[in-house]
């Protein structure tokens, strides 16, 4: 009985230690790149929530394995194992509790961040600006509402909801901005829509390399170079830039 208590003490001690380490890694270290859109906040919150839920579960399994390794090793003689390990019997209460807890977790994450997160990402089907995006090997073309077109950079207004109407001219590509955390496929003969609300100004730089449009669908030899810098500016600067772009088109 005393040995059994020591075994449980080892297990709970390791479980608590691993939970503490996991929570420090999740909450104490900034694991994610910069956020530049409302959608990025939604995605990151969901990601952190899933990590927090997974920490005690992963720690539980790891603690059980470590306890078994440290406390239930079979003695080994010169010619190999000399005896079987102690028998382990099924614990119906433990199995039932594990089933209930894991089922509740699965149902919970299906609701939030599952359905709740998707609803927040989709938002309302209206936008202040519409930008047509055409992907082709190996570049993107952006067409603004006034007819201005560019392939050199994507300029967006801060705090304005933008609808991207995405298609492809040749094969399947993918429109992805890592700093926004959202992406959508660009499919030939089909227009797909993606809504984004940039919430702070910024532009592509060496220390902010995620503010870029990047193809995320393997599309050939030039796939890795299929990227365009993004610049997020004030509404006034955006309107002036779009007007100049249309005049030069």
Protein backbone atom coordinates (compact mmCIF):
# COMPACT_ATOMS: atom_id res chain seq x y z
CA UNK A 1 0.00 0.00 0.00
CA UNK A 2 2.83 2.38 0.84
CA UNK A 3 4.54 1.63 -2.48
CA UNK A 4 1.29 2.32 -4.28
CA UNK A 5 1.02 5.70 -2.57
CA UNK A 6 4.57 6.53 -3.63
CA UNK A 7 3.72 5.55 -7.20
CA UNK A 8 0.72 7.89 -7.19
CA UNK A 9 2.85 10.63 -5.66
CA UNK A 10 5.35 10.23 -8.49
CA UNK A 11 2.56 10.37 -11.04
CA UNK A 12 0.85 13.49 -9.65
CA UNK A 13 4.19 15.21 -9.06
CA UNK A 14 5.29 14.62 -12.66
CA UNK A 15 1.86 15.66 -13.95
CA UNK A 16 1.99 18.96 -12.05
CA UNK A 17 5.57 19.61 -13.19
CA UNK A 18 4.76 18.95 -16.84
CA UNK A 19 1.63 21.12 -16.67
CA UNK A 20 3.68 23.99 -15.23
CA UNK A 21 6.29 23.63 -18.00
CA UNK A 22 3.59 23.48 -20.67
CA UNK A 23 1.75 26.54 -19.38
CA UNK A 24 5.00 28.49 -19.25
CA UNK A 25 5.75 27.60 -22.87
CA UNK A 26 2.25 28.59 -23.99
CA UNK A 27 1.75 31.76 -21.92
CA UNK A 28 5.29 32.84 -21.12
CA UNK A 29 6.80 32.73 -24.60
CA UNK A 30 5.49 34.62 -27.61
CA UNK A 31 5.26 31.81 -30.16
CA UNK A 32 3.28 33.64 -32.83
CA UNK A 33 4.25 36.28 -35.42
CA UNK A 34 2.78 39.77 -35.39
CA UNK A 35 -0.95 40.30 -35.87
CA UNK A 36 -2.09 42.81 -38.48
CA UNK A 37 -5.79 41.98 -38.85
CA UNK A 38 -8.85 41.31 -36.72
CA UNK A 39 -8.95 37.81 -38.20
CA UNK A 40 -5.43 37.14 -36.92
CA UNK A 41 -6.59 37.88 -33.37
CA UNK A 42 -9.45 35.38 -33.72
CA UNK A 43 -7.16 32.66 -35.08
CA UNK A 44 -4.46 33.24 -32.45
CA UNK A 45 -6.96 33.20 -29.59
CA UNK A 46 -8.30 29.87 -30.85
CA UNK A 47 -4.77 28.49 -31.20
CA UNK A 48 -3.80 29.51 -27.65
CA UNK A 49 -7.05 28.07 -26.29
CA UNK A 50 -6.41 24.71 -27.96
CA UNK A 51 -2.86 24.67 -26.61
CA UNK A 52 -4.08 25.40 -23.08
CA UNK A 53 -6.60 22.56 -23.31
CA UNK A 54 -4.02 20.15 -24.69
CA UNK A 55 -1.35 20.87 -22.04
CA UNK A 56 -2.95 18.93 -19.12
CA UNK A 57 -3.97 16.06 -21.43
CA UNK A 58 -0.49 15.72 -22.93
CA UNK A 59 1.05 16.12 -19.46
CA UNK A 60 -1.23 13.38 -18.10
CA UNK A 61 -0.19 10.87 -20.74
CA UNK A 62 3.48 11.82 -20.42
CA UNK A 63 3.35 11.55 -16.61
CA UNK A 64 1.80 8.08 -16.84
CA UNK A 65 4.51 6.93 -19.25
CA UNK A 66 7.32 8.38 -17.14
CA UNK A 67 5.89 6.90 -13.95
CA UNK A 68 5.65 3.48 -15.58
CA UNK A 69 9.23 3.78 -16.83
CA UNK A 70 10.66 4.95 -13.51
CA UNK A 71 8.61 2.90 -11.04
CA UNK A 72 7.71 -0.34 -12.82
CA UNK A 73 10.88 -1.40 -14.57
CA UNK A 74 11.60 -5.12 -14.48
CA UNK A 75 14.89 -6.24 -12.98
CA UNK A 76 17.27 -7.52 -15.64
CA UNK A 77 19.92 -10.17 -14.95
CA UNK A 78 23.00 -11.15 -17.00
CA UNK A 79 20.87 -13.40 -19.20
CA UNK A 80 17.96 -11.01 -19.61
CA UNK A 81 14.77 -10.42 -17.62
CA UNK A 82 14.44 -12.78 -14.69
CA UNK A 83 10.80 -12.15 -13.88
CA UNK A 84 7.61 -10.70 -15.29
CA UNK A 85 6.45 -7.30 -14.21
CA UNK A 86 3.54 -6.99 -11.79
CA UNK A 87 0.12 -7.55 -13.35
CA UNK A 88 -1.92 -4.45 -14.16
CA UNK A 89 -5.69 -4.74 -14.10
CA UNK A 90 -8.19 -2.54 -15.92
CA UNK A 91 -9.77 0.20 -13.82
CA UNK A 92 -13.36 0.68 -15.06
CA UNK A 93 -13.79 3.98 -13.17
CA UNK A 94 -10.60 5.40 -14.64
CA UNK A 95 -11.57 4.36 -18.17
CA UNK A 96 -15.08 5.75 -17.73
CA UNK A 97 -13.77 9.04 -16.42
CA UNK A 98 -11.27 9.30 -19.27
CA UNK A 99 -14.06 8.71 -21.80
CA UNK A 100 -16.31 11.35 -20.23
CA UNK A 101 -13.58 13.99 -19.97
CA UNK A 102 -12.19 13.51 -23.47
CA UNK A 103 -15.69 13.45 -24.99
CA UNK A 104 -16.54 16.69 -23.20
CA UNK A 105 -13.32 18.28 -24.46
CA UNK A 106 -14.02 17.17 -28.04
CA UNK A 107 -17.56 18.56 -27.88
CA UNK A 108 -16.34 21.77 -26.27
CA UNK A 109 -13.69 22.57 -28.91
CA UNK A 110 -16.21 21.75 -31.65
CA UNK A 111 -18.43 24.52 -30.30
CA UNK A 112 -15.64 26.93 -29.33
CA UNK A 113 -13.39 27.70 -31.09
CA UNK A 114 -15.02 25.59 -33.81
CA UNK A 115 -18.40 27.06 -34.68
CA UNK A 116 -17.84 30.26 -32.68
CA UNK A 117 -14.45 30.93 -34.29
CA UNK A 118 -15.75 30.31 -37.81
CA UNK A 119 -18.63 32.68 -37.21
CA UNK A 120 -16.25 35.39 -35.98
CA UNK A 121 -13.95 34.91 -38.97
CA UNK A 122 -16.75 35.10 -41.52
CA UNK A 123 -18.41 38.14 -39.97
CA UNK A 124 -20.83 40.15 -42.09
CA UNK A 125 -20.90 39.70 -45.86
CA UNK A 126 -20.19 43.36 -46.61
CA UNK A 127 -17.03 45.36 -47.06
CA UNK A 128 -15.86 48.94 -47.57
CA UNK A 129 -13.50 47.90 -50.37
CA UNK A 130 -13.36 45.14 -52.97
CA UNK A 131 -10.11 43.98 -54.55
CA UNK A 132 -9.93 41.43 -57.35
CA UNK A 133 -7.00 39.05 -57.08
CA UNK A 134 -5.79 37.02 -60.07
CA UNK A 135 -3.07 34.44 -59.45
CA UNK A 136 -0.94 32.98 -62.19
CA UNK A 137 2.47 31.36 -62.49
CA UNK A 138 4.18 33.00 -60.69
CA UNK A 139 2.66 36.32 -59.67
CA UNK A 140 -0.45 38.02 -58.30
CA UNK A 141 -2.40 40.82 -59.99
CA UNK A 142 -4.53 43.14 -57.85
CA UNK A 143 -7.34 45.18 -59.39
CA UNK A 144 -8.99 47.91 -57.34
CA UNK A 145 -12.54 49.24 -57.69
CA UNK A 146 -11.46 52.25 -59.76
CA UNK A 147 -9.72 50.02 -62.30
CA UNK A 148 -6.19 50.53 -61.00
CA UNK A 149 -4.04 47.42 -61.35
CA UNK A 150 -0.72 46.42 -59.82
CA UNK A 151 1.48 43.36 -59.46
CA UNK A 152 4.20 45.01 -57.37
CA UNK A 153 2.51 45.38 -53.98
CA UNK A 154 -0.82 45.08 -52.21
CA UNK A 155 -1.84 48.29 -50.43
CA UNK A 156 -4.69 48.16 -47.90
CA UNK A 157 -6.42 50.72 -45.67
CA UNK A 158 -6.27 50.26 -41.91
CA UNK A 159 -9.53 49.61 -40.02
CA UNK A 160 -11.46 49.04 -43.27
CA UNK A 161 -13.09 45.71 -44.16
CA UNK A 162 -11.83 44.37 -47.48
CA UNK A 163 -13.34 41.66 -49.65
CA UNK A 164 -10.88 39.82 -51.86
CA UNK A 165 -12.39 38.17 -54.93
CA UNK A 166 -9.83 35.55 -55.81
CA UNK A 167 -9.36 33.51 -58.99
CA UNK A 168 -6.55 31.97 -61.03
CA UNK A 169 -5.59 32.27 -64.68
CA UNK A 170 -3.89 28.89 -65.13
CA UNK A 171 -3.69 26.35 -62.30
CA UNK A 172 -4.69 26.22 -58.62
CA UNK A 173 -2.86 28.70 -56.42
CA UNK A 174 -3.56 30.01 -52.91
CA UNK A 175 -3.92 33.56 -51.60
CA UNK A 176 -2.33 33.73 -48.14
CA UNK A 177 -1.12 36.58 -45.93
CA UNK A 178 0.62 35.07 -42.85
CA UNK A 179 0.16 38.27 -40.81
CA UNK A 180 -3.63 37.93 -41.36
CA UNK A 181 -3.66 34.15 -40.60
CA UNK A 182 -6.23 33.46 -43.32
CA UNK A 183 -5.97 32.07 -46.83
CA UNK A 184 -8.14 30.80 -49.65
CA UNK A 185 -7.56 28.84 -52.84
CA UNK A 186 -7.37 30.58 -56.20
CA UNK A 187 -9.16 28.26 -58.63
CA UNK A 188 -9.31 28.72 -62.44
CA UNK A 189 -12.83 29.54 -63.64
CA UNK A 190 -14.10 30.21 -60.12
CA UNK A 191 -14.17 33.27 -57.84
CA UNK A 192 -13.66 32.65 -54.14
CA UNK A 193 -14.10 35.35 -51.49
CA UNK A 194 -12.08 36.23 -48.43
CA UNK A 195 -12.79 39.03 -45.93
CA UNK A 196 -10.01 40.77 -44.01
CA UNK A 197 -9.96 43.80 -41.70
CA UNK A 198 -6.42 45.15 -41.21
CA UNK A 199 -6.27 46.72 -37.75
CA UNK A 200 -2.86 48.42 -37.66
CA UNK A 201 -0.46 50.00 -40.10
CA UNK A 202 2.63 48.14 -41.25
CA UNK A 203 4.57 46.97 -44.26
CA UNK A 204 6.81 44.17 -45.42
CA UNK A 205 10.30 44.43 -43.90
CA UNK A 206 13.04 42.05 -42.84
CA UNK A 207 11.67 41.91 -39.29
CA UNK A 208 8.05 41.75 -40.50
CA UNK A 209 8.37 39.29 -43.35
CA UNK A 210 4.89 37.90 -42.70
CA UNK A 211 3.20 41.02 -44.12
CA UNK A 212 3.17 39.59 -47.62
CA UNK A 213 0.93 37.75 -50.03
CA UNK A 214 2.30 34.25 -50.47
CA UNK A 215 1.09 31.37 -52.62
CA UNK A 216 0.44 28.43 -50.30
CA UNK A 217 -0.36 25.85 -53.00
CA UNK A 218 2.55 24.08 -54.69
CA UNK A 219 2.28 25.39 -58.25
CA UNK A 220 5.57 24.68 -59.97
CA UNK A 221 9.20 25.66 -60.07
CA UNK A 222 8.55 29.33 -59.21
CA UNK A 223 6.22 28.61 -56.28
CA UNK A 224 8.60 29.82 -53.56
CA UNK A 225 9.08 33.17 -55.31
CA UNK A 226 5.35 33.80 -55.78
CA UNK A 227 5.11 36.50 -53.12
CA UNK A 228 4.12 40.18 -53.05
CA UNK A 229 4.75 42.69 -50.22
CA UNK A 230 1.76 44.15 -48.37
CA UNK A 231 1.52 47.72 -47.09
CA UNK A 232 -1.20 48.80 -44.64
CA UNK A 233 -1.74 52.57 -44.56
CA UNK A 234 -4.24 55.17 -43.37
CA UNK A 235 -7.50 55.65 -45.25
CA UNK A 236 -6.32 59.00 -46.64
CA UNK A 237 -3.03 57.59 -47.89
CA UNK A 238 -4.84 54.60 -49.39
CA UNK A 239 -7.29 56.77 -51.33
CA UNK A 240 -4.45 58.91 -52.69
CA UNK A 241 -2.43 55.84 -53.68
CA UNK A 242 -5.38 54.21 -55.47
CA UNK A 243 -6.14 57.44 -57.36
CA UNK A 244 -2.52 57.67 -58.52
CA UNK A 245 -2.57 54.01 -59.52
CA UNK A 246 -5.69 54.51 -61.68
CA UNK A 247 -4.20 57.55 -63.40
CA UNK A 248 -1.08 55.61 -64.29
CA UNK A 249 -2.99 52.54 -65.49
